[in-house]
Amino acid sequence: MNHRLIVGALAALPMLAASLSAQAADMPLYKAPPPAPVPFSWTGFYIGAHVGAGWGNREFDFNDLTAAAPFLWNSSTPVNGPLAGGQIGANWQAGWAVLGIEADGSWANLQGKSLCNTTTFFLNCAAKTTGLATVTGRLGVDLDRTLVYVKGGGAWMHESSTISNVALPPLATAFSSSISNDRTGWTLGMGLEYAFAMHWSAKLEYDYMDFGTKRYNFPPSGGIIAASNFANWDLVNRMSAVKAGVNYHF
C-alpha cells in the first residue's frame, strides 16, 4: 500500500510542476525601482573659464599746487570693453550654506578717451586697462542645484594712462606722455551658479571694483611745456564687470 502511494505521488509530480509553471507565467514580473539619483554637492575644488565685459571711469585730476592759488581740475574718462579669463576655487557645503574661496584673472581691453585739462592746457586723456584679477571669499545659499552667492576681497589691475596735446606749426606745444602701472583695491560681487551636470556648472556674476586714488607724475615731454603740467595727477579708478562662465567640479 505504501508502495502504491509513493508510485502515485511520483507520477503526479510532472503534472504538479506543469501547473505551477503555468501559474508563474501568468503572474506579473517584479521590477526593481530605479536607484535614487546621487545628490549634487558643492563641496570640493573647481576650475573654469569666463568671458564678459567691463566698464567704469578713470578720473584724471590735475592738482595745481601754486602756493598763491592752489586748484584741482577734475576730469573723468569713461572706459569699457571685453574681458576673458579663468578662475579656480574651492567650496565647502554644510546643509544649505556654501562657503568658498576663489581666485580669478582676466585679460581685458577696457579703454576710453576724453578731454582733460591743467591750468595751462586743455589736453587729450586716454585710459586703458589690460588685466584684472581678484581673490575673494564667497558665501552662498544652495537652492536645489542653484547657488546664489555674494563675494568680496582684494582686486588688482594693470593700467596705462596718457596725456597729450595736439598743435599745428608754428606752435610747438604738441606732446604725449604715458605711464603704466599696477593698482590694488577691493571688490564686492554677487552671482548665480547652476549645476547642470554632476561635474559641471554655469554661472553669471557681477563685480564692482574700487582701486582708489593714487598720485602720479607723468614723464615731462616737449621742450617748451612747463614741467608742472606733468606732475601731481591723481588717477581714480572705479570699475564694474559682468562675467558668464562654466566650472568643472572635482
Protein backbone atom coordinates (compact mmCIF):
# COMPACT_ATOMS: atom_id res chain seq x y z
CA MET A 1 0.00 0.00 0.00
CA ASN A 2 2.77 2.44 0.86
CA HIS A 3 4.41 1.35 -2.35
CA ARG A 4 1.36 2.37 -4.33
CA LEU A 5 1.15 5.78 -2.60
CA ILE A 6 4.78 6.56 -3.36
CA VAL A 7 4.43 5.48 -7.01
CA GLY A 8 1.26 7.57 -7.36
CA ALA A 9 2.92 10.63 -5.82
CA LEU A 10 5.90 10.32 -8.15
CA ALA A 11 3.60 10.01 -11.15
CA ALA A 12 1.75 13.20 -10.13
CA LEU A 13 4.93 15.29 -9.80
CA PRO A 14 5.22 16.21 -13.53
CA MET A 15 1.62 17.38 -13.59
CA LEU A 16 2.13 19.47 -10.44
CA ALA A 17 5.28 21.04 -11.87
CA ALA A 18 3.48 21.92 -15.11
CA SER A 19 0.62 23.50 -13.16
CA LEU A 20 2.98 25.62 -11.03
CA SER A 21 4.90 26.73 -14.13
CA ALA A 22 1.68 27.86 -15.83
CA GLN A 23 0.63 29.83 -12.76
CA ALA A 24 4.06 31.51 -12.56
CA ALA A 25 3.85 32.53 -16.21
CA ASP A 26 0.54 34.28 -15.52
CA MET A 27 1.97 36.29 -12.56
CA PRO A 28 3.22 39.88 -13.27
CA LEU A 29 7.02 40.31 -13.30
CA TYR A 30 8.53 42.28 -10.39
CA LYS A 31 10.73 45.21 -11.47
CA ALA A 32 13.17 46.75 -9.00
CA PRO A 33 12.78 50.55 -8.56
CA PRO A 34 15.46 52.71 -10.23
CA PRO A 35 18.31 53.81 -7.97
CA ALA A 36 17.87 57.18 -6.30
CA PRO A 37 19.82 60.00 -8.05
CA VAL A 38 23.06 60.98 -6.37
CA PRO A 39 22.56 64.46 -4.82
CA PHE A 40 24.86 67.22 -6.13
CA SER A 41 27.29 68.67 -3.60
CA TRP A 42 29.20 71.94 -3.99
CA THR A 43 31.99 70.70 -1.71
CA GLY A 44 35.34 70.36 -3.46
CA PHE A 45 37.73 72.07 -5.84
CA TYR A 46 36.76 73.53 -9.21
CA ILE A 47 38.35 75.22 -12.21
CA GLY A 48 36.70 77.14 -15.03
CA ALA A 49 36.71 79.89 -17.63
CA HIS A 50 34.70 83.05 -18.27
CA VAL A 51 34.01 85.82 -20.78
CA GLY A 52 32.40 89.16 -20.16
CA ALA A 53 32.61 92.93 -20.31
CA GLY A 54 33.80 95.73 -18.06
CA TRP A 55 33.03 99.42 -17.77
CA GLY A 56 33.76 102.33 -15.47
CA ASN A 57 35.57 105.64 -15.13
CA ARG A 58 39.14 106.77 -14.71
CA GLU A 59 39.50 110.28 -13.34
CA PHE A 60 42.46 112.40 -14.43
CA ASP A 61 42.54 115.02 -11.66
CA PHE A 62 45.29 117.62 -12.04
CA ASN A 63 46.49 119.35 -8.87
CA ASP A 64 47.74 122.90 -9.44
CA LEU A 65 49.74 123.40 -6.27
CA THR A 66 50.57 127.07 -6.84
CA ALA A 67 51.04 128.47 -3.37
CA ALA A 68 49.00 131.62 -4.02
CA ALA A 69 46.01 129.85 -5.60
CA PRO A 70 46.04 126.03 -5.45
CA PHE A 71 43.38 124.44 -7.61
CA LEU A 72 42.10 120.96 -8.52
CA TRP A 73 40.98 120.23 -12.08
CA ASN A 74 38.60 117.25 -12.19
CA SER A 75 38.22 115.24 -15.41
CA SER A 76 36.56 111.85 -15.95
CA THR A 77 37.23 109.39 -18.78
CA PRO A 78 34.73 106.55 -19.37
CA VAL A 79 36.25 103.15 -20.24
CA ASN A 80 34.65 99.93 -21.45
CA GLY A 81 35.43 96.78 -23.40
CA PRO A 82 35.62 92.96 -23.37
CA LEU A 83 37.40 90.62 -20.97
CA ALA A 84 38.09 86.89 -20.76
CA GLY A 85 39.93 84.62 -18.35
CA GLY A 86 39.70 81.81 -15.85
CA GLN A 87 39.02 81.02 -12.21
CA ILE A 88 39.95 78.39 -9.63
CA GLY A 89 38.44 77.83 -6.22
CA ALA A 90 37.15 75.55 -3.51
CA ASN A 91 33.79 75.19 -1.71
CA TRP A 92 32.59 73.59 1.48
CA GLN A 93 28.88 72.86 1.88
CA ALA A 94 27.07 72.41 5.21
CA GLY A 95 23.36 71.96 4.62
CA TRP A 96 22.09 74.94 2.64
CA ALA A 97 25.18 77.08 3.32
CA VAL A 98 28.16 77.05 0.95
CA LEU A 99 31.45 78.70 1.95
CA GLY A 100 34.23 79.15 -0.57
CA ILE A 101 37.33 80.93 -1.75
CA GLU A 102 38.10 81.86 -5.37
CA ALA A 103 40.88 83.46 -7.42
CA ASP A 104 40.26 84.70 -10.95
CA GLY A 105 42.20 86.55 -13.60
CA SER A 106 41.12 88.24 -16.84
CA TRP A 107 42.76 89.60 -19.93
CA ALA A 108 40.98 92.88 -20.64
CA ASN A 109 40.75 95.57 -23.28
CA LEU A 110 38.92 98.34 -21.44
CA GLN A 111 39.74 101.75 -22.88
CA GLY A 112 38.44 105.26 -23.46
CA LYS A 113 39.40 108.83 -24.35
CA SER A 114 38.19 112.26 -23.27
CA LEU A 115 39.24 115.85 -22.71
CA CYS A 116 41.05 116.79 -19.52
CA ASN A 117 42.95 119.87 -18.57
CA THR A 118 45.57 121.60 -16.49
CA THR A 119 45.73 125.25 -15.57
CA THR A 120 47.63 125.83 -18.85
CA PHE A 121 46.22 123.36 -21.41
CA PHE A 122 43.13 121.52 -22.50
CA LEU A 123 44.52 118.02 -23.05
CA ASN A 124 43.52 114.67 -24.51
CA CYS A 125 43.48 111.91 -21.89
CA ALA A 126 43.45 108.20 -22.78
CA ALA A 127 42.95 105.30 -20.37
CA LYS A 128 43.41 101.57 -20.90
CA THR A 129 43.14 98.51 -18.64
CA THR A 130 44.73 95.27 -19.89
CA GLY A 131 44.47 92.97 -16.86
CA LEU A 132 42.18 92.32 -13.88
CA ALA A 133 42.37 89.82 -11.03
CA THR A 134 40.59 89.18 -7.73
CA VAL A 135 40.96 86.92 -4.70
CA THR A 136 37.70 86.64 -2.78
CA GLY A 137 35.75 84.74 -0.19
CA ARG A 138 32.26 83.52 -1.11
CA LEU A 139 29.09 82.86 0.89
CA GLY A 140 26.24 81.11 -0.89
CA VAL A 141 22.83 79.52 -0.41
CA ASP A 142 22.12 76.19 -2.16
CA LEU A 143 18.63 76.06 -3.72
CA ASP A 144 18.43 72.57 -5.25
CA ARG A 145 21.48 72.71 -7.58
CA THR A 146 21.24 76.51 -7.83
CA LEU A 147 23.78 78.51 -5.84
CA VAL A 148 23.09 82.17 -5.05
CA TYR A 149 26.18 83.84 -3.60
CA VAL A 150 27.92 87.05 -2.60
CA LYS A 151 31.69 87.57 -2.66
CA GLY A 152 34.25 90.09 -1.50
CA GLY A 153 38.01 90.55 -1.22
CA GLY A 154 41.02 92.08 -2.92
CA ALA A 155 41.41 93.25 -6.53
CA TRP A 156 44.32 94.02 -8.88
CA MET A 157 44.55 95.78 -12.23
CA HIS A 158 47.17 96.76 -14.81
CA GLU A 159 46.54 100.13 -16.40
CA SER A 160 48.12 102.66 -18.72
CA SER A 161 47.33 106.37 -18.91
CA THR A 162 48.30 109.01 -21.47
CA ILE A 163 48.06 112.81 -21.55
CA SER A 164 48.70 114.58 -24.84
CA ASN A 165 48.27 117.84 -26.70
CA VAL A 166 47.90 118.36 -30.45
CA ALA A 167 49.29 121.54 -32.01
CA LEU A 168 49.96 122.57 -35.60
CA PRO A 169 53.07 124.50 -36.66
CA PRO A 170 54.24 127.11 -35.89
CA LEU A 171 53.02 126.16 -32.38
CA ALA A 172 55.43 123.82 -30.62
CA THR A 173 53.20 122.62 -27.80
CA ALA A 174 52.42 119.13 -29.15
CA PHE A 175 53.40 116.35 -26.76
CA SER A 176 52.38 112.90 -25.48
CA SER A 177 53.35 111.35 -22.16
CA SER A 178 52.33 107.95 -20.78
CA ILE A 179 52.64 105.89 -17.60
CA SER A 180 51.91 102.22 -16.97
CA ASN A 181 51.38 100.75 -13.52
CA ASP A 182 49.67 98.15 -11.32
CA ARG A 183 46.93 99.07 -8.86
CA THR A 184 45.37 97.21 -5.95
CA GLY A 185 41.97 97.72 -4.38
CA TRP A 186 38.88 95.89 -3.19
CA THR A 187 35.89 94.20 -4.80
CA LEU A 188 32.33 93.18 -3.97
CA GLY A 189 30.16 90.99 -6.14
CA MET A 190 27.22 88.66 -6.42
CA GLY A 191 26.30 85.80 -8.70
CA LEU A 192 24.15 82.83 -9.65
CA GLU A 193 25.56 79.37 -10.41
CA TYR A 194 23.61 76.33 -11.65
CA ALA A 195 24.85 72.71 -11.62
CA PHE A 196 23.56 71.36 -14.94
CA ALA A 197 25.50 68.06 -14.68
CA MET A 198 27.25 66.03 -11.99
CA HIS A 199 30.61 67.78 -12.51
CA TRP A 200 29.61 70.93 -14.42
CA SER A 201 28.04 74.27 -13.54
CA ALA A 202 27.36 77.55 -15.33
CA LYS A 203 27.49 80.96 -13.67
CA LEU A 204 26.59 84.61 -14.19
CA GLU A 205 28.32 87.17 -11.97
CA TYR A 206 28.57 90.94 -11.34
CA ASP A 207 31.63 92.51 -9.69
CA TYR A 208 32.33 96.06 -8.54
CA MET A 209 36.00 97.06 -8.13
CA ASP A 210 37.41 100.19 -6.48
CA PHE A 211 41.11 100.95 -6.86
CA GLY A 212 41.03 104.25 -5.00
CA THR A 213 43.13 107.34 -5.75
CA LYS A 214 46.86 107.47 -6.36
CA ARG A 215 49.05 110.42 -7.34
CA TYR A 216 51.47 110.13 -10.28
CA ASN A 217 53.94 112.25 -12.20
CA PHE A 218 53.99 111.84 -15.98
CA PRO A 219 57.40 111.96 -17.68
CA PRO A 220 57.99 115.54 -18.97
CA SER A 221 57.72 115.75 -22.75
CA GLY A 222 58.06 118.72 -25.11
CA GLY A 223 60.80 121.26 -24.63
CA ILE A 224 58.68 124.33 -24.05
CA ILE A 225 55.99 122.68 -21.89
CA ALA A 226 56.39 123.57 -18.23
CA ALA A 227 57.24 120.54 -16.10
CA SER A 228 54.46 121.50 -13.68
CA ASN A 229 51.89 120.29 -16.27
CA PHE A 230 53.14 116.70 -15.90
CA ALA A 231 53.25 116.50 -12.11
CA ASN A 232 50.66 115.83 -9.40
CA TRP A 233 47.99 113.92 -11.32
CA ASP A 234 45.50 111.98 -9.17
CA LEU A 235 44.25 108.90 -11.04
CA VAL A 236 40.99 107.44 -9.67
CA ASN A 237 39.70 104.03 -10.85
CA ARG A 238 36.28 102.51 -10.25
CA MET A 239 35.03 99.69 -12.45
CA SER A 240 32.27 97.11 -12.91
CA ALA A 241 32.34 93.78 -14.70
CA VAL A 242 29.83 91.12 -15.75
CA LYS A 243 31.12 87.58 -16.35
CA ALA A 244 29.49 84.46 -17.74
CA GLY A 245 31.38 81.21 -17.25
CA VAL A 246 31.49 77.47 -16.69
CA ASN A 247 33.18 75.45 -13.93
CA TYR A 248 34.31 71.83 -13.72
CA HIS A 249 34.00 70.38 -10.20
CA PHE A 250 36.39 67.68 -9.00
